[in-house]
PDB file of N, CA and C in Angstrom:
ATOM      1  N   MET A   1      94.865 118.429  90.902  1.00  0.00           N
ATOM      2  CA  MET A   1      93.791 118.469  91.880  1.00  0.00           C
ATOM      3  C   MET A   1      92.628 117.602  91.400  1.00  0.00           C
ATOM      4  N   SER A   2      92.316 117.688  90.118  1.00  0.00           N
ATOM      5  CA  SER A   2      91.179 116.905  89.622  1.00  0.00           C
ATOM      6  C   SER A   2      91.458 115.404  89.717  1.00  0.00           C
ATOM      7  N   ASP A   3      92.711 114.976  89.487  1.00  0.00           N
ATOM      8  CA  ASP A   3      93.046 113.553  89.639  1.00  0.00           C
ATOM      9  C   ASP A   3      92.878 113.108  91.079  1.00  0.00           C
ATOM     10  N   PHE A   4      93.324 113.945  92.017  1.00  0.00           N
ATOM     11  CA  PHE A   4      93.172 113.624  93.433  1.00  0.00           C
ATOM     12  C   PHE A   4      91.699 113.467  93.785  1.00  0.00           C
ATOM     13  N   LEU A   5      90.874 114.433  93.355  1.00  0.00           N
ATOM     14  CA  LEU A   5      89.450 114.388  93.679  1.00  0.00           C
ATOM     15  C   LEU A   5      88.775 113.168  93.061  1.00  0.00           C
ATOM     16  N   GLU A   6      89.160 112.841  91.828  1.00  0.00           N
ATOM     17  CA  GLU A   6      88.573 111.669  91.173  1.00  0.00           C
ATOM     18  C   GLU A   6      88.920 110.395  91.941  1.00  0.00           C
ATOM     19  N   ASN A   7      90.183 110.241  92.317  1.00  0.00           N
ATOM     20  CA  ASN A   7      90.597 109.047  93.072  1.00  0.00           C
ATOM     21  C   ASN A   7      89.935 109.003  94.439  1.00  0.00           C
ATOM     22  N   PHE A   8      89.862 110.146  95.101  1.00  0.00           N
ATOM     23  CA  PHE A   8      89.217 110.230  96.406  1.00  0.00           C
ATOM     24  C   PHE A   8      87.750 109.826  96.295  1.00  0.00           C
ATOM     25  N   PHE A   9      87.063 110.352  95.284  1.00  0.00           N
ATOM     26  CA  PHE A   9      85.647 110.034  95.090  1.00  0.00           C
ATOM     27  C   PHE A   9      85.445 108.545  94.840  1.00  0.00           C
ATOM     28  N   LYS A  10      86.308 107.957  94.018  1.00  0.00           N
ATOM     29  CA  LYS A  10      86.181 106.533  93.723  1.00  0.00           C
ATOM     30  C   LYS A  10      86.321 105.680  94.982  1.00  0.00           C
ATOM     31  N   LYS A  11      87.188 106.111  95.899  1.00  0.00           N
ATOM     32  CA  LYS A  11      87.423 105.339  97.121  1.00  0.00           C
ATOM     33  C   LYS A  11      86.299 105.480  98.135  1.00  0.00           C
ATOM     34  N   VAL A  12      85.678 106.647  98.199  1.00  0.00           N
ATOM     35  CA  VAL A  12      84.732 106.890  99.289  1.00  0.00           C
ATOM     36  C   VAL A  12      83.266 106.915  98.873  1.00  0.00           C
ATOM     37  N   SER A  13      82.972 106.957  97.599  1.00  0.00           N
ATOM     38  CA  SER A  13      81.583 107.165  97.186  1.00  0.00           C
ATOM     39  C   SER A  13      80.633 106.066  97.670  1.00  0.00           C
ATOM     40  N   LYS A  14      80.995 104.808  97.502  1.00  0.00           N
ATOM     41  CA  LYS A  14      80.084 103.732  97.921  1.00  0.00           C
ATOM     42  C   LYS A  14      79.911 103.675  99.441  1.00  0.00           C
ATOM     43  N   PRO A  15      80.994 103.753 100.225  1.00  0.00           N
ATOM     44  CA  PRO A  15      80.791 103.769 101.683  1.00  0.00           C
ATOM     45  C   PRO A  15      79.987 104.986 102.159  1.00  0.00           C
ATOM     46  N   VAL A  16      80.216 106.142 101.532  1.00  0.00           N
ATOM     47  CA  VAL A  16      79.461 107.338 101.920  1.00  0.00           C
ATOM     48  C   VAL A  16      77.994 107.167 101.578  1.00  0.00           C
ATOM     49  N   GLU A  17      77.699 106.663 100.390  1.00  0.00           N
ATOM     50  CA  GLU A  17      76.306 106.433 100.000  1.00  0.00           C
ATOM     51  C   GLU A  17      75.625 105.464 100.961  1.00  0.00           C
ATOM     52  N   ALA A  18      76.318 104.409 101.366  1.00  0.00           N
ATOM     53  CA  ALA A  18      75.750 103.439 102.302  1.00  0.00           C
ATOM     54  C   ALA A  18      75.487 104.089 103.664  1.00  0.00           C
ATOM     55  N   PHE A  19      76.415 104.916 104.114  1.00  0.00           N
ATOM     56  CA  PHE A  19      76.243 105.591 105.404  1.00  0.00           C
ATOM     57  C   PHE A  19      75.037 106.514 105.355  1.00  0.00           C
ATOM     58  N   VAL A  20      74.913 107.291 104.284  1.00  0.00           N
ATOM     59  CA  VAL A  20      73.781 108.219 104.134  1.00  0.00           C
ATOM     60  C   VAL A  20      72.471 107.439 104.076  1.00  0.00           C
ATOM     61  N   ARG A  21      72.468 106.347 103.357  1.00  0.00           N
ATOM     62  CA  ARG A  21      71.257 105.520 103.245  1.00  0.00           C
ATOM     63  C   ARG A  21      70.845 104.987 104.621  1.00  0.00           C
ATOM     64  N   ASP A  22      71.830 104.585 105.430  1.00  0.00           N
ATOM     65  CA  ASP A  22      71.540 104.005 106.746  1.00  0.00           C
ATOM     66  C   ASP A  22      71.182 105.043 107.807  1.00  0.00           C
ATOM     67  N   THR A  23      71.799 106.226 107.735  1.00  0.00           N
ATOM     68  CA  THR A  23      71.635 107.202 108.814  1.00  0.00           C
ATOM     69  C   THR A  23      70.837 108.437 108.421  1.00  0.00           C
ATOM     70  N   GLY A  24      70.804 108.729 107.132  1.00  0.00           N
ATOM     71  CA  GLY A  24      70.101 109.925 106.666  1.00  0.00           C
ATOM     72  C   GLY A  24      70.965 111.169 106.600  1.00  0.00           C
ATOM     73  N   TYR A  25      72.237 111.050 106.948  1.00  0.00           N
ATOM     74  CA  TYR A  25      73.144 112.203 106.843  1.00  0.00           C
ATOM     75  C   TYR A  25      74.539 111.718 106.479  1.00  0.00           C
ATOM     76  N   GLY A  26      75.369 112.657 106.052  1.00  0.00           N
ATOM     77  CA  GLY A  26      76.727 112.316 105.637  1.00  0.00           C
ATOM     78  C   GLY A  26      77.643 112.033 106.810  1.00  0.00           C
ATOM     79  N   PRO A  27      78.652 111.187 106.595  1.00  0.00           N
ATOM     80  CA  PRO A  27      79.606 110.901 107.657  1.00  0.00           C
ATOM     81  C   PRO A  27      80.343 112.181 108.057  1.00  0.00           C
ATOM     82  N   PRO A  28      80.403 112.499 109.343  1.00  0.00           N
ATOM     83  CA  PRO A  28      80.981 113.767 109.776  1.00  0.00           C
ATOM     84  C   PRO A  28      82.411 114.016 109.297  1.00  0.00           C
ATOM     85  N   ARG A  29      83.287 113.040 109.408  1.00  0.00           N
ATOM     86  CA  ARG A  29      84.688 113.274 109.016  1.00  0.00           C
ATOM     87  C   ARG A  29      84.833 113.467 107.514  1.00  0.00           C
ATOM     88  N   ILE A  30      84.131 112.675 106.735  1.00  0.00           N
ATOM     89  CA  ILE A  30      84.201 112.830 105.279  1.00  0.00           C
ATOM     90  C   ILE A  30      83.592 114.165 104.877  1.00  0.00           C
ATOM     91  N   THR A  31      82.476 114.520 105.490  1.00  0.00           N
ATOM     92  CA  THR A  31      81.831 115.793 105.178  1.00  0.00           C
ATOM     93  C   THR A  31      82.783 116.944 105.477  1.00  0.00           C
ATOM     94  N   LEU A  32      83.471 116.881 106.594  1.00  0.00           N
ATOM     95  CA  LEU A  32      84.434 117.911 106.944  1.00  0.00           C
ATOM     96  C   LEU A  32      85.595 117.929 105.944  1.00  0.00           C
ATOM     97  N   SER A  33      86.046 116.758 105.516  1.00  0.00           N
ATOM     98  CA  SER A  33      87.117 116.691 104.514  1.00  0.00           C
ATOM     99  C   SER A  33      86.680 117.339 103.208  1.00  0.00           C
ATOM    100  N   PHE A  34      85.438 117.085 102.786  1.00  0.00           N
ATOM    101  CA  PHE A  34      84.930 117.729 101.571  1.00  0.00           C
ATOM    102  C   PHE A  34      84.941 119.244 101.711  1.00  0.00           C
ATOM    103  N   LEU A  35      84.560 119.725 102.886  1.00  0.00           N
ATOM    104  CA  LEU A  35      84.562 121.172 103.113  1.00  0.00           C
ATOM    105  C   LEU A  35      85.979 121.741 103.064  1.00  0.00           C
ATOM    106  N   TRP A  36      86.934 121.033 103.641  1.00  0.00           N
ATOM    107  CA  TRP A  36      88.329 121.488 103.589  1.00  0.00           C
ATOM    108  C   TRP A  36      88.842 121.526 102.155  1.00  0.00           C
ATOM    109  N   ILE A  37      88.529 120.486 101.384  1.00  0.00           N
ATOM    110  CA  ILE A  37      88.950 120.451  99.981  1.00  0.00           C
ATOM    111  C   ILE A  37      88.314 121.605  99.214  1.00  0.00           C
ATOM    112  N   ALA A  38      87.038 121.841  99.434  1.00  0.00           N
ATOM    113  CA  ALA A  38      86.359 122.953  98.761  1.00  0.00           C
ATOM    114  C   ALA A  38      86.996 124.285  99.136  1.00  0.00           C
ATOM    115  N   ALA A  39      87.375 124.447 100.415  1.00  0.00           N
ATOM    116  CA  ALA A  39      88.014 125.689 100.845  1.00  0.00           C
ATOM    117  C   ALA A  39      89.371 125.867 100.182  1.00  0.00           C
ATOM    118  N   LEU A  40      90.145 124.792 100.070  1.00  0.00           N
ATOM    119  CA  LEU A  40      91.444 124.878  99.396  1.00  0.00           C
ATOM    120  C   LEU A  40      91.280 125.263  97.934  1.00  0.00           C
ATOM    121  N   ILE A  41      90.297 124.672  97.286  1.00  0.00           N
ATOM    122  CA  ILE A  41      90.047 124.995  95.877  1.00  0.00           C
ATOM    123  C   ILE A  41      89.612 126.446  95.743  1.00  0.00           C
ATOM    124  N   ALA A  42      88.722 126.884  96.605  1.00  0.00           N
ATOM    125  CA  ALA A  42      88.225 128.261  96.543  1.00  0.00           C
ATOM    126  C   ALA A  42      89.354 129.265  96.758  1.00  0.00           C
ATOM    127  N   GLN A  43      90.327 128.908  97.597  1.00  0.00           N
ATOM    128  CA  GLN A  43      91.456 129.796  97.876  1.00  0.00           C
ATOM    129  C   GLN A  43      92.587 129.615  96.867  1.00  0.00           C
ATOM    130  N   ARG A  44      92.418 128.653  95.976  1.00  0.00           N
ATOM    131  CA  ARG A  44      93.467 128.288  95.012  1.00  0.00           C
ATOM    132  C   ARG A  44      94.767 127.962  95.735  1.00  0.00           C
ATOM    133  N   ASN A  45      94.622 127.271  96.848  1.00  0.00           N
ATOM    134  CA  ASN A  45      95.749 126.912  97.692  1.00  0.00           C
ATOM    135  C   ASN A  45      96.011 125.419  97.520  1.00  0.00           C
ATOM    136  N   TYR A  46      96.666 125.048  96.430  1.00  0.00           N
ATOM    137  CA  TYR A  46      96.820 123.651  96.064  1.00  0.00           C
ATOM    138  C   TYR A  46      98.073 123.037  96.667  1.00  0.00           C
ATOM    139  N   ILE A  47      98.017 121.729  96.871  1.00  0.00           N
ATOM    140  CA  ILE A  47      99.174 120.979  97.337  1.00  0.00           C
ATOM    141  C   ILE A  47     100.232 121.022  96.227  1.00  0.00           C
ATOM    142  N   ASN A  48     101.492 121.191  96.621  1.00  0.00           N
ATOM    143  CA  ASN A  48     102.628 121.248  95.697  1.00  0.00           C
ATOM    144  C   ASN A  48     102.581 122.458  94.779  1.00  0.00           C
ATOM    145  N   LYS A  49     101.805 123.451  95.117  1.00  0.00           N
ATOM    146  CA  LYS A  49     101.772 124.685  94.342  1.00  0.00           C
ATOM    147  C   LYS A  49     103.104 125.400  94.539  1.00  0.00           C
ATOM    148  N   PRO A  50     103.729 125.851  93.462  1.00  0.00           N
ATOM    149  CA  PRO A  50     105.004 126.553  93.628  1.00  0.00           C
ATOM    150  C   PRO A  50     104.811 127.791  94.509  1.00  0.00           C
ATOM    151  N   LYS A  51     105.746 127.977  95.406  1.00  0.00           N
ATOM    152  CA  LYS A  51     105.694 129.150  96.281  1.00  0.00           C
ATOM    153  C   LYS A  51     106.275 130.346  95.526  1.00  0.00           C
ATOM    154  N   THR A  52     105.650 131.484  95.685  1.00  0.00           N
ATOM    155  CA  THR A  52     106.169 132.708  95.069  1.00  0.00           C
ATOM    156  C   THR A  52     106.747 133.592  96.158  1.00  0.00           C
ATOM    157  N   ARG A  53     107.798 134.279  95.813  1.00  0.00           N
ATOM    158  CA  ARG A  53     108.419 135.202  96.761  1.00  0.00           C
ATOM    159  C   ARG A  53     107.958 136.602  96.471  1.00  0.00           C
ATOM    160  N   HIS A  54     107.751 137.358  97.523  1.00  0.00           N
ATOM    161  CA  HIS A  54     107.310 138.741  97.375  1.00  0.00           C
ATOM    162  C   HIS A  54     108.470 139.675  97.503  1.00  0.00           C
TER     163      HIS A  54
END
């Protein structure tokens, strides 16, 4: 997860900073993506996480 977040940040940080500088707020789709990622982390619901059977 940390590798994904690092790569994601490297790709979007400069365009996001430019958008915020120009408009005064974060890009809606990226902001929503950050919220989704935070929710997945908070739920510990990771991509490729082994499924457990009950």
